[in-house]
Protein backbone atom coordinates (compact mmCIF):
# COMPACT_ATOMS: atom_id res chain seq x y z
CA MET A 1 -50.12 226.59 82.02
CA ILE A 2 -52.80 224.52 80.10
CA ASN A 3 -51.80 220.90 79.03
CA LEU A 4 -53.64 219.41 75.98
CA MET A 5 -53.19 215.91 74.54
CA ILE A 6 -54.04 214.82 71.25
CA SER A 7 -53.05 211.35 69.60
CA GLY A 8 -52.93 210.57 65.83
CA ASN A 9 -50.63 210.04 62.86
CA ASP A 10 -49.51 212.26 60.13
CA LYS A 11 -53.22 211.85 58.47
CA VAL A 12 -54.30 213.97 61.17
CA ALA A 13 -51.86 216.61 61.40
CA ASP A 14 -54.29 219.11 59.76
CA GLY A 15 -56.50 218.63 62.63
CA LEU A 16 -53.68 219.17 65.22
CA LEU A 17 -52.86 222.28 63.26
CA ILE A 18 -56.50 223.69 63.55
CA ILE A 19 -56.79 222.86 67.29
CA VAL A 20 -53.77 224.87 67.92
CA LEU A 21 -54.96 227.85 65.68
CA SER A 22 -58.28 227.69 67.28
CA TYR A 23 -56.83 227.65 70.95
CA LEU A 24 -54.42 230.34 69.90
CA LYS A 25 -57.37 232.31 68.83
CA HIS A 26 -59.52 232.22 72.00
CA ASN A 27 -57.14 231.58 74.79
CA LYS A 28 -54.66 233.77 76.71
CA GLU A 29 -52.80 231.06 78.99
CA PRO A 30 -49.81 229.46 77.50
CA VAL A 31 -50.20 226.01 76.52
CA THR A 32 -48.21 222.73 76.28
CA VAL A 33 -49.64 220.07 73.84
CA TYR A 34 -48.72 216.58 73.96
CA PHE A 35 -49.09 214.59 70.57
CA LEU A 36 -49.01 210.87 71.16
CA THR A 37 -47.93 209.52 67.76
CA MET A 38 -46.58 206.07 66.43
CA ASP A 39 -45.43 204.19 63.21
CA LEU A 40 -47.78 201.24 62.72
CA ILE A 41 -47.25 200.71 59.19
CA GLN A 42 -47.37 196.68 59.41
CA GLU A 43 -51.17 197.39 59.83
CA ASN A 44 -51.57 200.14 57.56
CA PRO A 45 -49.28 201.72 55.04
CA SER A 46 -50.67 205.13 55.91
CA PHE A 47 -50.45 204.74 59.48
CA LYS A 48 -47.11 206.64 59.91
CA LYS A 49 -46.16 208.84 62.68
CA ILE A 50 -46.60 212.63 62.34
CA SER A 51 -43.81 214.10 60.29
CA SER A 52 -40.90 216.12 62.05
CA LYS A 53 -41.48 219.09 59.60
CA LYS A 54 -44.96 219.34 60.33
CA ALA A 55 -44.48 219.24 64.42
CA GLU A 56 -41.72 221.90 63.63
CA TYR A 57 -43.93 224.22 62.02
CA ILE A 58 -46.90 223.77 64.57
CA ASN A 59 -44.41 224.42 67.05
CA ASN A 60 -43.05 227.31 65.90
CA ILE A 61 -46.46 228.72 65.56
CA LEU A 62 -46.81 228.01 69.34
CA GLN A 63 -43.32 229.40 70.24
CA GLU A 64 -44.14 232.75 68.45
CA ARG A 65 -46.26 234.03 71.69
CA HIS A 66 -42.91 233.93 73.83
CA ASP A 67 -44.88 232.59 76.76
CA GLY A 68 -43.64 229.11 77.08
CA SER A 69 -46.23 227.46 74.91
CA CYS A 70 -44.75 224.40 72.64
CA LEU A 71 -45.70 221.19 71.05
CA LYS A 72 -44.24 218.21 72.43
CA VAL A 73 -44.27 214.94 70.17
CA ILE A 74 -44.32 211.77 71.94
CA ASP A 75 -43.55 208.42 69.91
CA ALA A 76 -45.19 205.84 71.93
CA SER A 77 -44.50 203.10 69.05
CA GLN A 78 -42.73 200.67 71.40
CA VAL A 79 -45.04 200.91 74.30
CA PHE A 80 -48.22 200.32 72.11
CA ILE A 81 -46.96 197.60 70.13
CA GLY A 82 -45.54 195.53 72.64
CA TYR A 83 -48.78 195.53 74.31
CA MET A 84 -51.25 195.76 71.79
CA GLU A 85 -49.99 193.87 68.51
CA LYS A 86 -52.43 190.93 69.05
CA SER A 87 -55.29 192.92 70.03
CA VAL A 88 -58.59 191.93 68.61
CA ASN A 89 -59.43 196.05 68.18
CA LEU A 90 -56.49 196.71 65.68
CA LYS A 91 -58.60 196.47 63.00
CA SER A 92 -61.55 198.48 64.45
CA VAL A 93 -63.66 201.07 62.37
CA TYR A 94 -61.93 203.52 64.47
CA THR A 95 -57.98 203.92 63.96
CA PRO A 96 -55.58 202.58 66.67
CA TYR A 97 -54.48 205.90 67.47
CA ALA A 98 -57.83 206.46 69.43
CA MET A 99 -56.31 203.81 72.05
CA LEU A 100 -52.80 205.48 72.31
CA ARG A 101 -54.51 207.75 75.39
CA LEU A 102 -54.83 204.79 77.08
CA PHE A 103 -51.25 204.18 77.42
CA ALA A 104 -50.65 208.02 78.96
CA ASP A 105 -50.05 206.54 82.42
CA LEU A 106 -46.89 204.92 81.20
CA ILE A 107 -45.70 207.97 79.77
CA PRO A 108 -43.50 209.95 82.44
CA GLU A 109 -43.69 213.38 80.44
CA ILE A 110 -47.56 213.47 80.64
CA PRO A 111 -48.46 215.88 83.57
CA ASP A 112 -51.21 215.22 86.47
CA LYS A 113 -53.85 217.25 84.86
CA ILE A 114 -54.25 217.07 80.96
CA LEU A 115 -57.14 217.73 78.39
CA TYR A 116 -57.71 215.19 75.65
CA LEU A 117 -59.06 216.32 72.69
CA ASP A 118 -59.66 214.20 69.62
CA ALA A 119 -57.99 215.27 66.32
CA ASP A 120 -61.47 216.36 64.60
CA THR A 121 -62.28 219.02 67.34
CA LEU A 122 -62.29 222.94 67.18
CA ILE A 123 -62.04 225.00 70.25
CA ALA A 124 -64.64 227.96 69.82
CA LYS A 125 -64.08 229.57 72.81
CA ASP A 126 -61.91 230.18 76.23
CA ILE A 127 -61.50 226.79 77.81
CA SER A 128 -60.17 227.77 80.91
CA SER A 129 -63.47 227.40 82.90
CA LEU A 130 -63.48 223.64 81.63
CA TYR A 131 -59.58 223.17 82.48
CA GLN A 132 -60.38 224.56 86.19
CA THR A 133 -62.99 221.89 86.61
CA ASP A 134 -62.48 220.33 90.18
CA LEU A 135 -61.19 216.69 89.88
CA GLU A 136 -60.32 215.99 93.31
CA GLY A 137 -61.02 212.19 93.93
CA LYS A 138 -62.14 211.87 90.32
CA GLU A 139 -60.60 210.37 87.22
CA PHE A 140 -61.89 212.58 84.52
CA ALA A 141 -64.60 214.80 83.25
CA ALA A 142 -66.30 214.11 80.08
CA ALA A 143 -69.75 214.91 78.49
CA LEU A 144 -72.63 212.71 77.53
CA ASP A 145 -72.31 211.00 74.25
CA MET A 146 -75.17 212.21 71.97
CA VAL A 147 -76.31 208.70 70.54
CA GLY A 148 -74.85 206.43 73.24
CA SER A 149 -76.77 207.95 76.15
CA VAL A 150 -80.05 207.26 74.10
CA TRP A 151 -79.23 203.97 72.70
CA LEU A 152 -76.69 202.24 75.16
CA HIS A 153 -76.87 203.93 78.71
CA ARG A 154 -78.16 207.18 80.13
CA TRP A 155 -74.81 208.16 81.51
CA TYR A 156 -72.84 206.80 78.34
CA MET A 157 -69.98 209.47 77.71
CA ASN A 158 -68.25 210.61 74.81
CA SER A 159 -64.54 210.03 74.77
CA GLY A 160 -63.52 213.06 72.33
CA VAL A 161 -63.05 215.65 75.09
CA MET A 162 -61.86 214.41 78.43
CA LEU A 163 -60.11 216.28 81.23
CA PHE A 164 -57.97 213.63 83.26
CA ASN A 165 -56.80 213.51 86.41
CA MET A 166 -53.56 211.41 85.96
CA SER A 167 -52.80 211.04 89.64
CA GLU A 168 -56.39 209.41 89.89
CA VAL A 169 -56.13 207.35 87.05
CA ARG A 170 -52.70 205.97 88.10
CA LYS A 171 -54.17 205.43 91.66
CA THR A 172 -57.12 203.36 90.50
CA GLY A 173 -55.33 201.73 87.49
CA LEU A 174 -58.39 202.88 85.00
CA PHE A 175 -55.87 202.50 82.01
CA GLU A 176 -54.63 199.52 82.71
CA LYS A 177 -57.85 198.10 83.14
CA CYS A 178 -59.01 199.51 79.80
CA ARG A 179 -56.08 198.29 78.18
CA HIS A 180 -56.51 194.89 79.24
CA PHE A 181 -60.33 195.08 77.87
CA ILE A 182 -59.39 196.15 74.30
CA LEU A 183 -56.61 193.61 74.19
CA HIS A 184 -59.09 190.77 74.77
CA ASN A 185 -62.75 192.10 73.93
CA LEU A 186 -63.72 192.94 70.37
CA SER A 187 -65.54 196.14 70.45
CA PHE A 188 -67.15 198.67 68.31
CA MET A 189 -65.77 201.55 70.29
CA PRO A 190 -63.06 200.02 72.03
CA ASP A 191 -61.38 202.77 73.90
CA GLN A 192 -64.75 204.63 74.39
CA ASP A 193 -66.53 201.70 75.60
CA ALA A 194 -63.73 200.53 78.08
CA LEU A 195 -63.65 203.91 79.53
CA ASN A 196 -67.32 203.96 80.28
CA TYR A 197 -67.26 200.45 81.66
CA TYR A 198 -64.24 201.07 84.24
CA VAL A 199 -64.73 204.46 85.38
CA LYS A 200 -65.62 204.71 89.02
CA ASN A 201 -65.78 208.44 89.90
CA HIS A 202 -66.13 211.14 87.29
CA VAL A 203 -67.61 214.54 86.42
CA THR A 204 -70.56 215.01 83.96
CA LEU A 205 -69.70 217.96 81.70
CA PRO A 206 -72.16 220.16 80.32
CA MET A 207 -72.52 219.23 76.46
CA LYS A 208 -71.03 223.01 75.47
CA TYR A 209 -67.69 221.26 76.16
CA ASN A 210 -67.98 218.56 73.70
CA GLN A 211 -70.60 219.60 71.25
CA GLN A 212 -71.35 216.64 68.98
CA GLY A 213 -74.32 218.06 67.08
CA LYS A 214 -75.50 221.35 65.84
CA VAL A 215 -73.55 224.32 67.05
CA GLN A 216 -74.95 226.40 69.89
CA PRO A 217 -74.57 229.93 71.06
CA ASP A 218 -72.53 228.70 73.96
CA THR A 219 -70.31 225.96 72.21
CA VAL A 220 -67.10 225.79 73.66
CA ILE A 221 -65.38 222.76 71.80
CA LYS A 222 -67.20 221.45 68.74
CA HIS A 223 -66.60 218.10 67.68
CA PHE A 224 -67.09 216.56 64.59
CA PRO A 225 -67.77 212.93 64.96
CA LYS A 226 -69.12 210.41 62.61
CA THR A 227 -72.79 210.85 62.32
CA PHE A 228 -75.45 208.40 60.96
CA ILE A 229 -77.90 210.30 58.61
CA TRP A 230 -81.46 208.74 57.69
CA LEU A 231 -82.21 211.03 54.69
CA PRO A 232 -82.50 210.73 51.78
CA PHE A 233 -80.82 207.37 52.50
CA PRO A 234 -79.37 205.98 55.38
CA HIS A 235 -75.45 206.60 55.51
CA LEU A 236 -72.78 207.64 57.59
CA ARG A 237 -71.48 211.22 57.39
CA ASN A 238 -67.74 211.83 58.33
CA ILE A 239 -66.78 215.32 57.69
CA LYS A 240 -63.78 216.74 59.50
CA PRO A 241 -62.99 220.32 60.40
CA TRP A 242 -60.04 220.50 57.89
CA MET A 243 -62.42 219.24 55.09
CA VAL A 244 -63.46 223.17 54.94
CA GLU A 245 -65.30 223.10 51.74
CA GLN A 246 -67.96 220.27 53.30
CA VAL A 247 -68.25 222.11 56.57
CA HIS A 248 -69.48 224.77 54.51
CA SER A 249 -71.53 223.22 51.98
CA GLU A 250 -72.85 220.19 53.89
CA LEU A 251 -72.70 221.12 57.39
CA LYS A 252 -73.61 224.81 56.61
CA ILE A 253 -70.86 225.93 59.62
CA THR A 254 -69.38 229.10 58.77
CA CYS A 255 -69.14 230.61 62.28
CA TYR A 256 -65.64 229.01 62.41
CA ASP A 257 -64.18 230.53 59.47
CA ASP A 258 -61.71 232.89 61.40
CA VAL A 259 -59.51 229.83 62.34
CA LEU A 260 -60.33 227.77 59.27
CA ASP A 261 -59.21 230.86 56.92
CA ASP A 262 -56.35 230.86 58.81
CA PHE A 263 -55.89 227.09 58.35
CA VAL A 264 -56.30 227.26 54.40
CA SER A 265 -53.91 230.01 54.03
CA ARG A 266 -51.28 227.69 55.39
CA ARG A 267 -52.68 224.46 54.13
CA ASP A 268 -50.54 224.18 50.67
CA GLU A 269 -47.32 225.53 52.79
CA PHE A 270 -48.12 222.91 55.49
CA HIS A 271 -48.60 219.60 53.06
CA LYS A 272 -45.29 220.28 51.53
CA LEU A 273 -43.58 219.52 54.70
CA GLU A 274 -43.20 215.75 54.44
CA GLU A 275 -40.03 213.75 55.58
């Protein structure tokens, strides 16, 4: 059994669906997907937890394999709000949902080994080699950040794909330290900065497991992060995998159309599944 952890609200349900479809396309092992969500409408009216109907739709896709695969939705509203309601980072340029994984050590259902994926990733190949990474005595495995490792620190890691050893995380108190950091210290990338600052023992993954730039022949997981573009004028480009038309027209990526075509064929039906 492979365990995946994703966090977000109803706005990234498309991303969750794409991750599930891409996993099923390229992987044979049964999978349990843990989706951490919450209502935070007091901060933003659009910060609503995932629709139960959309969750049921995705769970049905997983259960069609009849191998024990399933989606488990975990409402972390209470544990998050009780701790983070006065955090200086609630209005970061990144949504508070990125910080939800830092509460995974307080959630009993989360297993000892779990692969965290940002909602804007797509699985392009079999991930079993990644999942089998030896984490004995390590808190997590992650790839370098394409930008941060150049401008911030040569070993600065990207937090979009992280294989966690939750037993070690609980032992070292990594998440507890990170939560305290983001509660009191304003940061541009709060959770990522905290994980980089407090980690003691980790494994550096090859970039193919978190390909943030151009697609390569060996890409296993494609990440679609925000990207700074210089020409024809400096601007941020923020194209996500569910923005299929822009993935084609602006990113010129068509190699994932087997998965994206499946997503598009379901998109209208999926979007009608509101509470």
